[in-house]
Protein backbone atom coordinates (compact mmCIF):
# COMPACT_ATOMS: atom_id res chain seq x y z
CA MET A 1 25.79 -10.95 -18.24
CA SER A 2 23.30 -9.79 -20.83
CA GLN A 3 20.48 -7.57 -19.61
CA SER A 4 17.93 -9.87 -21.22
CA THR A 5 19.30 -13.02 -19.61
CA PHE A 6 17.52 -14.19 -16.46
CA ASN A 7 19.24 -16.66 -14.18
CA PHE A 8 20.23 -16.70 -10.55
CA ASP A 9 23.84 -15.55 -11.00
CA PHE A 10 22.73 -12.10 -9.80
CA LEU A 11 21.83 -13.47 -6.36
CA THR A 12 24.73 -13.67 -3.91
CA LEU A 13 24.69 -15.83 -0.79
CA ASN A 14 24.39 -12.73 1.36
CA GLY A 15 21.47 -11.46 -0.70
CA ALA A 16 19.74 -14.84 -0.64
CA LEU A 17 20.06 -15.03 3.15
CA GLN A 18 18.54 -11.56 3.54
CA ILE A 19 15.55 -12.56 1.44
CA ILE A 20 15.07 -15.91 3.21
CA VAL A 21 15.26 -14.35 6.68
CA TYR A 22 12.76 -11.65 5.73
CA PHE A 23 10.12 -14.05 4.44
CA ALA A 24 10.76 -16.57 7.21
CA VAL A 25 10.07 -13.95 9.88
CA LEU A 26 7.12 -12.52 7.95
CA PHE A 27 5.34 -15.84 7.47
CA ALA A 28 6.15 -16.94 11.03
CA CYS A 29 4.06 -13.97 12.23
CA VAL A 30 1.04 -14.79 10.04
CA LYS A 31 -0.62 -17.39 12.27
CA PRO A 32 -0.24 -15.73 15.69
CA LEU A 33 -1.17 -12.23 14.51
CA GLY A 34 -3.88 -13.49 12.14
CA GLY A 35 -5.42 -15.65 14.86
CA TYR A 36 -5.34 -12.76 17.31
CA MET A 37 -7.10 -10.43 14.84
CA ALA A 38 -9.77 -13.07 14.22
CA LYS A 39 -10.49 -13.19 17.95
CA ILE A 40 -10.65 -9.40 18.19
CA TYR A 41 -13.14 -8.99 15.36
CA SER A 42 -15.19 -11.98 16.53
CA GLY A 43 -15.47 -10.49 20.01
CA GLU A 44 -13.69 -13.40 21.69
CA LYS A 45 -11.83 -13.01 24.96
CA THR A 46 -8.14 -12.13 24.77
CA LEU A 47 -5.51 -10.94 27.23
CA SER A 48 -5.52 -7.50 25.63
CA GLY A 49 -9.30 -7.47 25.97
CA LYS A 50 -9.06 -7.66 29.74
CA ILE A 51 -6.94 -4.52 29.71
CA LEU A 52 -8.58 -2.53 26.91
CA ARG A 53 -12.24 -3.56 27.17
CA PRO A 54 -13.04 -0.80 29.71
CA VAL A 55 -11.46 1.74 27.34
CA GLU A 56 -13.59 0.41 24.49
CA GLN A 57 -16.75 0.75 26.58
CA VAL A 58 -15.86 4.36 27.43
CA PHE A 59 -15.75 5.19 23.70
CA TYR A 60 -19.18 3.64 23.20
CA ARG A 61 -20.69 5.62 26.07
CA LEU A 62 -19.13 8.91 24.97
CA SER A 63 -20.25 8.48 21.35
CA GLY A 64 -23.66 6.97 22.08
CA ILE A 65 -22.93 3.83 20.07
CA ASN A 66 -24.74 0.59 20.84
CA PRO A 67 -22.12 -2.11 20.05
CA ASP A 68 -24.82 -4.79 19.86
CA SER A 69 -26.72 -2.98 17.09
CA GLU A 70 -25.67 -4.18 13.64
CA MET A 71 -26.04 -2.62 10.20
CA ASP A 72 -27.08 -3.74 6.73
CA TRP A 73 -24.59 -3.12 3.94
CA LYS A 74 -26.10 0.23 2.93
CA ILE A 75 -25.91 1.71 6.44
CA TYR A 76 -22.44 0.22 6.89
CA CYS A 77 -21.34 1.82 3.61
CA LEU A 78 -22.93 5.16 4.50
CA SER A 79 -21.09 5.10 7.84
CA VAL A 80 -17.78 4.53 6.03
CA LEU A 81 -18.44 7.41 3.65
CA LEU A 82 -19.61 9.85 6.32
CA PHE A 83 -16.71 9.01 8.62
CA SER A 84 -14.20 9.48 5.81
CA PHE A 85 -15.83 12.74 4.68
CA SER A 86 -15.67 14.06 8.24
CA GLY A 87 -11.98 13.15 8.35
CA PHE A 88 -11.46 15.05 5.10
CA ILE A 89 -13.13 18.21 6.42
CA LEU A 90 -11.15 18.08 9.65
CA LEU A 91 -7.79 17.49 7.98
CA TYR A 92 -8.40 20.06 5.23
CA SER A 93 -9.31 22.69 7.83
CA LEU A 94 -6.27 21.86 9.92
CA LEU A 95 -3.96 22.30 6.93
CA ARG A 96 -5.57 25.55 5.82
CA PHE A 97 -5.14 27.05 9.31
CA GLN A 98 -1.78 25.50 10.08
CA ASP A 99 -0.14 28.90 10.56
CA ILE A 100 -2.28 29.79 13.61
CA LEU A 101 -2.32 26.32 15.22
CA PRO A 102 0.16 25.17 17.89
CA LEU A 103 3.32 23.06 17.57
CA ASN A 104 4.66 25.03 14.62
CA PRO A 105 8.16 25.99 15.79
CA GLN A 106 9.33 26.81 12.27
CA ASN A 107 6.34 29.14 11.68
CA LEU A 108 5.39 27.35 8.48
CA PRO A 109 2.57 29.03 6.49
CA ALA A 110 -0.90 27.65 5.78
CA ILE A 111 -1.27 25.17 2.92
CA SER A 112 -2.71 26.34 -0.41
CA PRO A 113 -6.28 25.17 -1.23
CA ASP A 114 -5.36 22.74 -4.01
CA LEU A 115 -2.48 21.16 -2.07
CA ALA A 116 -4.59 20.94 1.11
CA PHE A 117 -7.30 19.17 -0.93
CA ASN A 118 -4.74 16.71 -2.30
CA ILE A 119 -3.19 15.99 1.10
CA ALA A 120 -6.53 15.55 2.86
CA VAL A 121 -7.88 13.22 0.18
CA SER A 122 -4.59 11.34 0.09
CA PHE A 123 -4.59 10.52 3.79
CA ILE A 124 -8.29 9.70 4.26
CA THR A 125 -8.06 7.23 1.37
CA ASN A 126 -4.98 5.48 2.81
CA THR A 127 -3.04 6.61 -0.28
CA ASN A 128 -0.56 9.00 1.35
CA TRP A 129 0.58 10.46 -1.95
CA GLN A 130 2.91 13.36 -1.18
CA SER A 131 3.54 16.14 -3.68
CA TYR A 132 5.28 18.22 -1.02
CA GLY A 133 8.29 18.04 1.28
CA GLY A 134 7.07 17.21 4.77
CA GLU A 135 9.85 18.95 6.68
CA SER A 136 9.44 22.19 4.71
CA THR A 137 5.64 22.22 4.45
CA LEU A 138 3.92 20.75 7.51
CA SER A 139 4.10 21.68 11.19
CA TYR A 140 4.46 19.12 13.95
CA PHE A 141 0.77 19.57 14.75
CA SER A 142 -0.24 18.91 11.13
CA GLN A 143 1.98 15.83 11.03
CA MET A 144 0.60 14.39 14.29
CA ALA A 145 -3.00 15.56 14.69
CA GLY A 146 -3.60 15.46 10.96
CA LEU A 147 -1.57 12.86 9.11
CA THR A 148 -0.78 10.38 11.88
CA VAL A 149 -4.40 10.26 13.04
CA GLN A 150 -5.55 9.52 9.51
CA ASN A 151 -2.86 6.87 9.21
CA PHE A 152 -4.65 5.01 12.00
CA VAL A 153 -8.26 5.52 11.03
CA SER A 154 -7.91 5.06 7.25
CA ALA A 155 -6.15 1.74 7.83
CA SER A 156 -8.82 0.62 10.31
CA VAL A 157 -11.55 1.56 7.80
CA GLY A 158 -10.02 -0.80 5.22
CA MET A 159 -9.76 -3.56 7.81
CA ALA A 160 -13.38 -3.00 8.91
CA VAL A 161 -14.65 -3.31 5.32
CA LEU A 162 -12.75 -6.60 4.97
CA ILE A 163 -14.34 -7.96 8.14
CA ALA A 164 -17.76 -7.02 6.79
CA VAL A 165 -16.99 -8.96 3.59
CA ILE A 166 -15.89 -11.99 5.61
CA ARG A 167 -19.16 -11.88 7.54
CA GLY A 168 -20.96 -11.86 4.20
CA PHE A 169 -19.43 -15.25 3.45
CA THR A 170 -19.99 -16.71 6.91
CA ARG A 171 -23.51 -15.50 7.70
CA ARG A 172 -26.72 -16.66 6.09
CA ASN A 173 -30.27 -15.40 5.63
CA THR A 174 -29.54 -12.01 7.17
CA ASP A 175 -29.08 -8.44 6.01
CA LYS A 176 -26.65 -7.60 8.84
CA ILE A 177 -22.89 -7.51 8.27
CA GLY A 178 -21.73 -5.96 11.56
CA ASN A 179 -21.31 -2.52 13.11
CA PHE A 180 -18.80 -0.24 11.38
CA TRP A 181 -18.07 1.81 14.49
CA VAL A 182 -17.26 -1.30 16.50
CA ASP A 183 -15.05 -2.78 13.77
CA MET A 184 -13.20 0.47 13.21
CA LEU A 185 -12.62 1.06 16.92
CA ARG A 186 -11.40 -2.46 17.58
CA GLY A 187 -8.98 -2.31 14.66
CA ASN A 188 -7.41 0.79 16.15
CA LEU A 189 -7.57 -0.02 19.83
CA TYR A 190 -6.54 -3.68 19.83
CA ILE A 191 -4.37 -4.00 16.71
CA LEU A 192 -2.90 -0.81 15.27
CA LEU A 193 -2.19 1.09 18.49
CA PRO A 194 -0.37 -1.72 20.35
CA LEU A 195 1.68 -2.69 17.29
CA SER A 196 2.55 0.94 16.56
CA LEU A 197 3.67 1.50 20.14
CA LEU A 198 5.97 -1.53 19.90
CA TRP A 199 7.37 -0.48 16.53
CA ALA A 200 7.88 3.14 17.60
CA VAL A 201 9.96 1.99 20.58
CA LEU A 202 12.01 -0.39 18.42
CA LEU A 203 12.62 2.26 15.75
CA GLY A 204 13.48 4.88 18.35
CA GLY A 205 16.06 2.46 19.72
CA GLN A 206 17.64 2.34 16.25
CA GLY A 207 17.96 6.11 16.09
CA VAL A 208 14.74 7.22 14.40
CA VAL A 209 14.15 10.76 15.66
CA GLN A 210 11.34 11.64 18.10
CA SER A 211 11.46 15.28 19.19
CA PHE A 212 9.36 18.44 19.51
CA SER A 213 12.35 20.80 19.45
CA HIS A 214 13.13 23.43 16.82
CA TYR A 215 15.11 22.33 13.79
CA VAL A 216 18.82 22.11 14.59
CA SER A 217 21.48 24.40 13.15
CA ALA A 218 24.82 22.74 12.48
CA ASP A 219 28.14 24.02 11.21
CA LEU A 220 29.12 23.00 7.69
CA ALA A 221 32.19 20.82 7.34
CA GLN A 222 33.28 22.94 4.38
CA ALA A 223 32.53 26.58 3.66
CA GLN A 224 30.11 27.11 0.78
CA ILE A 225 29.98 29.81 -1.90
CA ALA A 226 26.79 31.10 -0.32
CA ASN A 227 27.28 33.48 2.61
CA THR A 228 26.59 30.85 5.27
CA ASN A 229 28.58 28.34 7.25
CA THR A 230 25.59 26.59 8.83
CA GLN A 231 22.82 24.32 7.71
CA GLN A 232 19.40 23.62 9.20
CA ILE A 233 18.64 19.98 10.05
CA ALA A 234 14.98 19.01 10.25
CA ILE A 235 13.81 16.88 13.16
CA GLY A 236 10.42 16.14 14.73
CA PRO A 237 8.12 13.42 16.10
CA VAL A 238 9.21 10.95 13.45
CA ALA A 239 9.29 7.46 15.06
CA SER A 240 5.62 7.57 16.07
CA GLN A 241 4.57 8.44 12.51
CA VAL A 242 6.89 5.95 10.80
CA ALA A 243 5.51 3.09 12.90
CA ILE A 244 1.90 3.54 11.77
CA LYS A 245 2.83 4.63 8.25
CA GLN A 246 4.30 1.15 7.74
CA LEU A 247 1.93 -0.99 9.81
CA GLY A 248 -1.16 0.66 8.35
CA THR A 249 0.20 0.40 4.78
CA ASN A 250 0.02 4.18 4.61
CA GLY A 251 3.54 5.12 3.50
CA GLY A 252 3.54 8.89 3.93
CA GLY A 253 6.98 9.98 5.11
CA PHE A 254 7.74 12.64 7.68
CA PHE A 255 10.60 13.80 5.44
CA ASN A 256 10.58 14.39 1.70
CA ALA A 257 13.07 11.54 1.14
CA ASN A 258 10.73 9.18 3.03
CA SER A 259 12.48 6.06 4.34
CA ALA A 260 15.66 6.86 2.43
CA HIS A 261 16.20 9.63 5.01
CA PRO A 262 18.68 8.61 7.74
CA PHE A 263 16.47 10.11 10.50
CA GLU A 264 13.53 8.02 9.28
CA ASN A 265 15.42 4.81 8.54
CA PRO A 266 18.97 4.95 9.91
CA THR A 267 20.18 1.32 10.05
CA PRO A 268 19.83 -2.03 8.27
CA PHE A 269 17.81 -3.32 11.25
CA SER A 270 15.41 -0.36 11.16
CA ASN A 271 15.08 -1.07 7.44
CA PHE A 272 14.22 -4.69 8.22
CA LEU A 273 11.63 -3.66 10.82
CA GLU A 274 9.98 -1.20 8.45
CA MET A 275 9.89 -3.68 5.56
CA LEU A 276 8.44 -6.32 7.89
CA ALA A 277 5.75 -3.89 9.01
CA ILE A 278 4.69 -3.22 5.40
CA LEU A 279 3.47 -6.78 4.79
CA LEU A 280 2.77 -7.86 8.37
CA ILE A 281 -0.95 -7.04 8.62
CA PRO A 282 -1.90 -7.77 4.96
CA THR A 283 -0.41 -11.28 5.09
CA SER A 284 -1.79 -12.00 8.56
CA LEU A 285 -5.29 -10.97 7.51
CA CYS A 286 -5.32 -13.93 5.12
CA TYR A 287 -5.11 -16.22 8.15
CA THR A 288 -7.77 -14.07 9.87
CA PHE A 289 -10.02 -14.65 6.88
CA GLY A 290 -9.54 -18.43 6.97
CA LYS A 291 -10.06 -18.56 10.74
CA MET A 292 -13.28 -16.53 10.67
CA ALA A 293 -14.54 -18.46 7.63
CA GLY A 294 -14.04 -21.74 9.47
CA ASP A 295 -11.52 -23.07 6.95
CA VAL A 296 -7.92 -21.95 7.44
CA CYS A 297 -6.94 -23.63 4.17
CA GLN A 298 -8.94 -21.03 2.24
CA GLY A 299 -6.92 -18.20 3.76
CA VAL A 300 -3.66 -20.06 3.13
CA ALA A 301 -4.67 -20.61 -0.50
CA VAL A 302 -5.27 -16.88 -1.03
CA LEU A 303 -1.94 -16.04 0.62
CA ALA A 304 -0.20 -18.62 -1.56
CA ALA A 305 -1.69 -17.11 -4.74
CA MET A 306 -0.43 -13.67 -3.71
CA THR A 307 3.04 -15.04 -3.00
CA VAL A 308 3.18 -17.00 -6.26
CA ILE A 309 2.81 -13.71 -8.13
CA PHE A 310 5.00 -11.60 -5.84
CA ILE A 311 8.17 -13.70 -5.61
CA PRO A 312 8.89 -14.07 -9.36
CA LEU A 313 8.23 -10.39 -10.00
CA PHE A 314 10.50 -9.34 -7.14
CA LEU A 315 13.30 -11.64 -8.34
CA PHE A 316 12.89 -10.34 -11.89
CA GLY A 317 13.21 -6.76 -10.67
CA LEU A 318 16.22 -7.68 -8.55
CA ALA A 319 17.90 -9.25 -11.56
CA GLN A 320 17.36 -6.11 -13.65
CA GLU A 321 18.91 -3.87 -11.00
CA GLN A 322 21.79 -6.18 -10.16
CA ASN A 323 22.66 -6.67 -13.83
CA GLY A 324 23.16 -2.92 -14.15
CA ASN A 325 22.61 -0.37 -16.87
CA PRO A 326 24.29 -0.81 -20.30
CA LYS A 327 24.49 2.97 -20.63
CA PHE A 328 26.74 3.06 -17.57
CA SER A 329 28.93 0.35 -19.07
CA ALA A 330 29.22 2.40 -22.25
CA LEU A 331 30.59 5.24 -20.14
CA GLY A 332 33.19 2.96 -18.61
CA ILE A 333 31.52 2.74 -15.19
CA ASN A 334 32.29 -0.50 -13.39
CA GLN A 335 29.07 -2.25 -12.31
CA GLN A 336 30.56 -5.58 -11.27
CA ALA A 337 29.95 -6.71 -7.68
CA GLY A 338 33.10 -6.84 -5.58
CA ALA A 339 34.56 -6.33 -2.14
CA GLU A 340 34.18 -2.55 -2.37
CA GLN A 341 30.79 -2.21 -4.08
CA ALA A 342 27.45 -3.97 -4.49
CA GLY A 343 27.63 -3.75 -8.26
CA GLY A 344 24.67 -3.25 -10.56
CA ASN A 345 22.53 -0.12 -10.80
CA MET A 346 23.07 1.73 -7.52
CA GLU A 347 21.71 5.02 -8.86
CA GLY A 348 19.03 6.33 -6.50
CA LYS A 349 19.76 3.71 -3.84
CA GLU A 350 21.27 4.00 -0.36
CA THR A 351 24.58 2.19 0.07
CA ARG A 352 23.57 1.19 3.60
CA PHE A 353 20.71 -0.88 2.14
CA GLY A 354 22.09 -2.04 -1.20
CA ILE A 355 20.21 -3.45 -4.18
CA VAL A 356 18.54 -6.43 -2.49
CA ASN A 357 16.88 -4.43 0.28
CA SER A 358 16.04 -1.60 -2.11
CA THR A 359 14.30 -3.78 -4.69
CA LEU A 360 12.58 -5.88 -2.01
CA TRP A 361 11.21 -2.69 -0.47
CA ALA A 362 10.15 -1.37 -3.89
CA ALA A 363 8.25 -4.58 -4.61
CA ALA A 364 6.73 -4.86 -1.13
CA THR A 365 5.61 -1.24 -0.92
CA THR A 366 3.85 -1.33 -4.29
CA ALA A 367 2.38 -4.78 -3.74
CA ALA A 368 0.99 -3.70 -0.37
CA SER A 369 -0.35 -0.25 -1.35
CA ASN A 370 2.08 1.17 1.20
CA GLY A 371 3.90 3.63 -1.03
CA SER A 372 6.87 4.39 1.22
CA VAL A 373 10.29 4.21 -0.45
CA ASN A 374 13.89 3.69 0.59
CA SER A 375 15.17 4.27 -2.96
CA MET A 376 14.04 6.38 -5.90
CA HIS A 377 12.02 4.32 -8.40
CA ASP A 378 12.67 6.88 -11.14
CA SER A 379 16.34 5.79 -11.11
CA TYR A 380 15.61 2.09 -11.60
CA THR A 381 16.34 0.37 -14.89
CA PRO A 382 13.32 0.35 -17.24
CA LEU A 383 12.28 -3.23 -16.45
CA GLY A 384 13.26 -2.82 -12.81
CA GLY A 385 10.85 0.13 -12.64
CA LEU A 386 8.24 -1.91 -14.50
CA VAL A 387 7.91 -4.31 -11.54
CA PRO A 388 6.49 -1.86 -8.95
CA MET A 389 4.32 -0.32 -11.66
CA LEU A 390 2.90 -3.72 -12.60
CA LEU A 391 2.30 -4.73 -8.99
CA MET A 392 0.11 -1.64 -8.59
CA LYS A 393 -1.71 -2.35 -11.84
CA PHE A 394 -2.88 -5.70 -10.49
CA GLY A 395 -5.22 -3.58 -8.37
CA GLU A 396 -3.14 -3.69 -5.18
CA VAL A 397 -4.36 -7.22 -4.41
CA ILE A 398 -0.93 -8.87 -4.11
CA TYR A 399 -0.97 -8.57 -0.29
CA GLY A 400 -2.41 -5.09 -0.78
CA GLY A 401 -3.36 -2.55 1.86
CA ALA A 402 -4.56 -3.25 5.39
CA GLY A 403 -7.87 -4.94 4.59
CA SER A 404 -8.22 -3.45 1.11
CA GLY A 405 -5.77 -5.88 -0.45
CA LEU A 406 -7.58 -8.98 0.73
CA TYR A 407 -11.08 -7.78 -0.10
CA GLY A 408 -9.75 -6.90 -3.56
CA MET A 409 -8.27 -10.39 -3.93
CA LEU A 410 -11.56 -11.96 -2.80
CA VAL A 411 -13.19 -10.22 -5.77
CA PHE A 412 -10.73 -12.05 -8.02
CA VAL A 413 -11.57 -15.27 -6.15
CA ILE A 414 -15.24 -14.73 -7.00
CA ILE A 415 -14.37 -14.17 -10.66
CA THR A 416 -12.10 -17.22 -10.68
CA VAL A 417 -14.74 -19.46 -9.09
CA PHE A 418 -17.28 -18.29 -11.65
CA ILE A 419 -15.00 -18.75 -14.67
CA ALA A 420 -13.46 -22.04 -13.53
CA GLY A 421 -16.81 -23.43 -12.53
CA LEU A 422 -18.32 -22.68 -15.94
CA MET A 423 -15.30 -24.12 -17.75
CA VAL A 424 -15.52 -27.51 -16.05
CA GLY A 425 -19.26 -27.63 -15.51
CA ARG A 426 -19.08 -27.17 -11.73
CA THR A 427 -21.40 -25.05 -9.63
CA PRO A 428 -19.88 -21.58 -9.00
CA GLU A 429 -19.77 -21.57 -5.20
CA TYR A 430 -17.36 -20.18 -2.66
CA LEU A 431 -17.48 -20.96 1.05
CA GLY A 432 -20.96 -22.37 0.63
CA LYS A 433 -22.38 -19.32 -1.16
CA LYS A 434 -23.59 -19.45 -4.75
CA ILE A 435 -21.87 -16.91 -6.98
CA GLN A 436 -24.57 -15.40 -9.20
CA ALA A 437 -25.09 -12.52 -11.61
CA TYR A 438 -25.27 -9.77 -8.96
CA GLU A 439 -21.91 -10.69 -7.42
CA ILE A 440 -20.27 -10.88 -10.85
CA LYS A 441 -21.61 -7.45 -11.82
CA MET A 442 -20.31 -5.87 -8.64
CA ALA A 443 -16.98 -7.70 -8.96
CA SER A 444 -16.65 -6.45 -12.54
CA LEU A 445 -17.09 -2.88 -11.33
CA VAL A 446 -14.36 -3.36 -8.74
CA ILE A 447 -11.94 -4.53 -11.45
CA LEU A 448 -12.94 -2.16 -14.27
CA ILE A 449 -13.27 1.16 -12.43
CA PRO A 450 -9.56 1.50 -11.50
CA CYS A 451 -8.44 0.40 -14.97
CA ILE A 452 -10.66 2.95 -16.70
CA THR A 453 -9.64 5.70 -14.28
CA ILE A 454 -5.91 5.11 -14.78
CA LEU A 455 -6.07 5.01 -18.57
CA PHE A 456 -8.48 7.93 -18.92
CA SER A 457 -6.61 10.25 -16.51
CA THR A 458 -3.20 9.39 -18.00
CA SER A 459 -4.47 10.19 -21.49
CA ILE A 460 -5.74 13.60 -20.32
CA ALA A 461 -2.40 14.40 -18.67
CA VAL A 462 -0.28 13.54 -21.69
CA LEU A 463 -2.57 15.52 -24.03
CA THR A 464 -2.64 18.74 -22.02
CA ASP A 465 -0.04 21.42 -21.38
CA ALA A 466 -0.81 21.34 -17.65
CA GLY A 467 -0.12 17.61 -17.54
CA ASN A 468 3.16 17.85 -19.44
CA ALA A 469 4.39 20.86 -17.52
CA GLY A 470 5.48 18.83 -14.49
CA VAL A 471 7.39 16.12 -16.38
CA LEU A 472 11.13 16.10 -15.70
CA ASN A 473 12.20 13.72 -18.48
CA GLY A 474 11.08 13.44 -22.06
CA GLY A 475 10.10 10.42 -24.13
CA ALA A 476 9.24 7.05 -22.65
CA GLN A 477 10.61 7.92 -19.21
CA GLY A 478 8.42 11.02 -18.98
CA PHE A 479 5.37 9.00 -20.03
CA SER A 480 6.22 6.43 -17.33
CA GLU A 481 6.34 9.20 -14.72
CA ILE A 482 2.79 10.29 -15.59
CA LEU A 483 1.47 6.74 -15.88
CA TYR A 484 3.05 5.78 -12.56
CA ALA A 485 1.51 8.78 -10.78
CA PHE A 486 -2.05 8.02 -11.86
CA THR A 487 -1.59 4.30 -11.23
CA SER A 488 -0.31 5.05 -7.74
CA ALA A 489 -3.12 7.47 -6.94
CA THR A 490 -5.99 5.39 -8.32
CA ASN A 491 -4.83 2.23 -6.57
CA ASN A 492 -4.23 4.15 -3.32
CA ASN A 493 -0.52 3.34 -3.22
CA GLY A 494 1.12 6.74 -2.88
CA SER A 495 4.62 6.04 -4.15
CA ALA A 496 5.99 8.18 -6.98
CA PHE A 497 8.53 7.80 -9.78
CA ALA A 498 10.18 10.90 -8.28
CA GLY A 499 10.61 12.63 -11.63
CA LEU A 500 7.25 14.40 -11.74
CA ASN A 501 6.50 17.82 -10.24
CA ALA A 502 2.98 17.03 -9.06
CA ASN A 503 2.53 20.06 -6.81
CA THR A 504 0.48 22.00 -9.34
CA PRO A 505 -3.27 22.71 -9.34
CA PHE A 506 -3.75 20.28 -12.24
CA TYR A 507 -2.05 17.32 -10.58
CA ASN A 508 -3.25 18.09 -7.05
CA ILE A 509 -6.87 18.04 -8.18
CA ALA A 510 -6.62 15.28 -10.81
CA LEU A 511 -4.70 12.90 -8.56
CA GLY A 512 -7.02 13.71 -5.65
CA LEU A 513 -10.08 12.76 -7.72
CA CYS A 514 -8.38 9.51 -8.77
CA MET A 515 -7.69 8.68 -5.11
CA LEU A 516 -11.34 9.19 -4.20
CA ILE A 517 -12.53 7.01 -7.08
CA GLY A 518 -9.98 4.31 -6.33
CA ARG A 519 -11.03 4.12 -2.68
CA PHE A 520 -14.75 4.72 -2.42
CA TRP A 521 -16.01 3.60 -5.82
CA ILE A 522 -14.48 0.25 -4.86
CA ILE A 523 -15.75 0.08 -1.29
CA VAL A 524 -19.40 0.56 -2.34
CA PRO A 525 -19.62 -2.51 -4.68
CA ILE A 526 -17.47 -4.50 -2.23
CA LEU A 527 -19.97 -3.94 0.57
CA ALA A 528 -22.83 -4.61 -1.86
CA ILE A 529 -21.28 -8.05 -2.46
CA ALA A 530 -21.03 -8.58 1.30
CA GLY A 531 -24.69 -7.74 1.77
CA SER A 532 -25.78 -9.98 -1.08
CA LEU A 533 -23.79 -12.95 0.23
CA ALA A 534 -25.01 -12.53 3.81
CA ALA A 535 -28.62 -12.67 2.62
CA LYS A 536 -28.10 -16.05 0.94
CA ASN A 537 -28.50 -19.46 2.48
CA SER A 538 -25.43 -21.62 2.83
CA VAL A 539 -25.16 -24.51 0.38
CA PRO A 540 -23.44 -27.69 1.63
CA PRO A 541 -20.55 -28.89 -0.55
CA SER A 542 -21.31 -31.62 -3.06
CA VAL A 543 -19.52 -33.58 -5.76
CA GLY A 544 -20.23 -30.65 -8.08
CA THR A 545 -18.52 -28.10 -5.84
CA LEU A 546 -15.22 -26.74 -7.12
CA PRO A 547 -12.40 -27.14 -4.54
CA THR A 548 -10.93 -23.72 -3.80
CA HIS A 549 -7.89 -24.60 -1.70
CA THR A 550 -5.98 -26.85 -4.08
CA PRO A 551 -2.73 -26.02 -5.93
CA LEU A 552 -4.70 -26.02 -9.20
CA PHE A 553 -7.12 -23.35 -7.96
CA ILE A 554 -4.23 -21.29 -6.59
CA ALA A 555 -2.55 -21.42 -10.00
CA VAL A 556 -5.77 -20.44 -11.81
CA LEU A 557 -6.38 -17.56 -9.40
CA ALA A 558 -2.83 -16.25 -9.83
CA GLY A 559 -3.19 -16.62 -13.60
CA ILE A 560 -6.43 -14.62 -13.77
CA VAL A 561 -5.00 -11.80 -11.63
CA SER A 562 -1.91 -11.68 -13.87
CA ILE A 563 -3.87 -11.84 -17.12
CA VAL A 564 -6.23 -9.01 -16.12
CA GLY A 565 -3.34 -6.79 -15.01
CA VAL A 566 -1.03 -7.47 -17.94
CA LEU A 567 -3.54 -7.47 -20.80
CA THR A 568 -5.36 -4.36 -19.60
CA PHE A 569 -2.20 -2.28 -19.43
CA ALA A 570 0.03 -3.93 -22.05
CA PRO A 571 -0.29 -1.04 -24.56
CA VAL A 572 0.61 1.71 -22.07
CA LEU A 573 3.44 -0.35 -20.58
CA ALA A 574 4.79 -0.81 -24.10
CA LEU A 575 4.83 2.98 -24.53
CA GLY A 576 6.64 3.52 -21.23
CA PRO A 577 9.09 1.11 -19.54
CA VAL A 578 9.22 -1.44 -22.37
CA ALA A 579 10.06 1.22 -25.00
CA GLU A 580 12.70 2.69 -22.71
CA TYR A 581 14.21 -0.78 -22.18
CA PHE A 582 14.72 -1.31 -25.91
CA ASN A 583 16.23 2.14 -26.17
CA MET A 584 18.63 1.29 -23.34
CA ILE A 585 19.86 -2.02 -24.79
CA SER A 586 20.42 -0.38 -28.18
CA VAL A 587 23.43 1.46 -26.72
CA LYS A 588 26.64 0.25 -28.30
């Protein structure tokens, strides 16, 4: 089949069943988990509340927090920034003094200043970009007390900001949008911790390692040229970190190979559990939004718009990988599916997962700002690699991170309501709140800042010797590696094209700055929108109000997200994956 042809011949019955089961289970969890989270953030009584409420009260007493005292958007924002900055200082210090801290059985040295800066920024921003090998760089203490802790709190920060935005829509004539410390604590205590405990047990049952022992020495099956007959096998407290890395849309792997490593993702069922965890909270938060807003249909409409964009892109990427690489065919390599092989482009993919589960993971992890991988994106076909890159360039709003994806999509909802309302002469309103100049200005900042950051930083990298020094491949592929890195960092995804040596002072600092901009320069205008909306009176719907839960609105919303993402980055995509695609199909 021609590489440029797109039909469903690439999809086998087995592959189709895997996809259907995954989405069936995922969407079946949306209502129960989303409803539960709505009750938690609304302070309603739940079964878990009876057990954990005393623990919550202990935290308030120890920290001197009054849970009944609420904040305006500026104090809420300042609390987010100060909390994140404190996390940065703590994690940076821990990494710099790793060599004298406990739980370091391999006696790993302290982390260099530029790498420690990059790691600390990466994990406080929920990016989890990794320009290092975890098993050869970080001690058990650094992994647990440093990275795993930030996996929890950075995810809960994103969820707290989303809840503040929802309150902006639901409250009226007030400057209060909640208490950050309460929202952050409840996200951890009632949602992330219980789910992570469940997932850690399930993953441990599948063989994901959980140990504090020294690395294991094993005899080699065959003698090597080097004067050794043994190899060192890295182990550690892996299951506990993998659980929250997936559920919190963090993505940072314990091992350098991330979830392609057999100790981090050993079986097809562990792969299913980890993929499910990637999208579980982002999709469920859409139902939480509808429930707290008093109109579940609004949350369903937003989820539908995300899915309308995600499914076609995933299937397109799957078709590219399953159709194979013409350069392999030119070398006489058989890429046809059969009883003994999956067929297609299996380069960089695990045979225990195959193409369907590899491309589904690649799409899910980049749509959800998770960033974990079970295959190497650098080895994908040009247009197959374009899909995860494009999903990030939409601003990580197609499901997106825990909380951050939905509040990013709500910005696009505001833009859509404004544009659609003006086009048809309807009043720009959403959930009873008038959308006016201030909201549009703040929403424009949210959309433009990441785009400008990606393009500007990529241009600097390709024009400097320091930026080009880490590129593995030349030409269009090398450009894609740089573009992917800055796209991933700015949109707080964390995945990499795997062909770029980013552990240099230039990339550690440049990517770290992009992560900070992509996280906090977005949160500030987002909370400003929340404060502005909360201060407004609620307007009852009228004949002039634009319906925002209809199939037409869903289509317009999906169209605007796609247009902004594609048109903004069309030139750079043409220089990278598109140019490489035409080079690939030119092979005779």
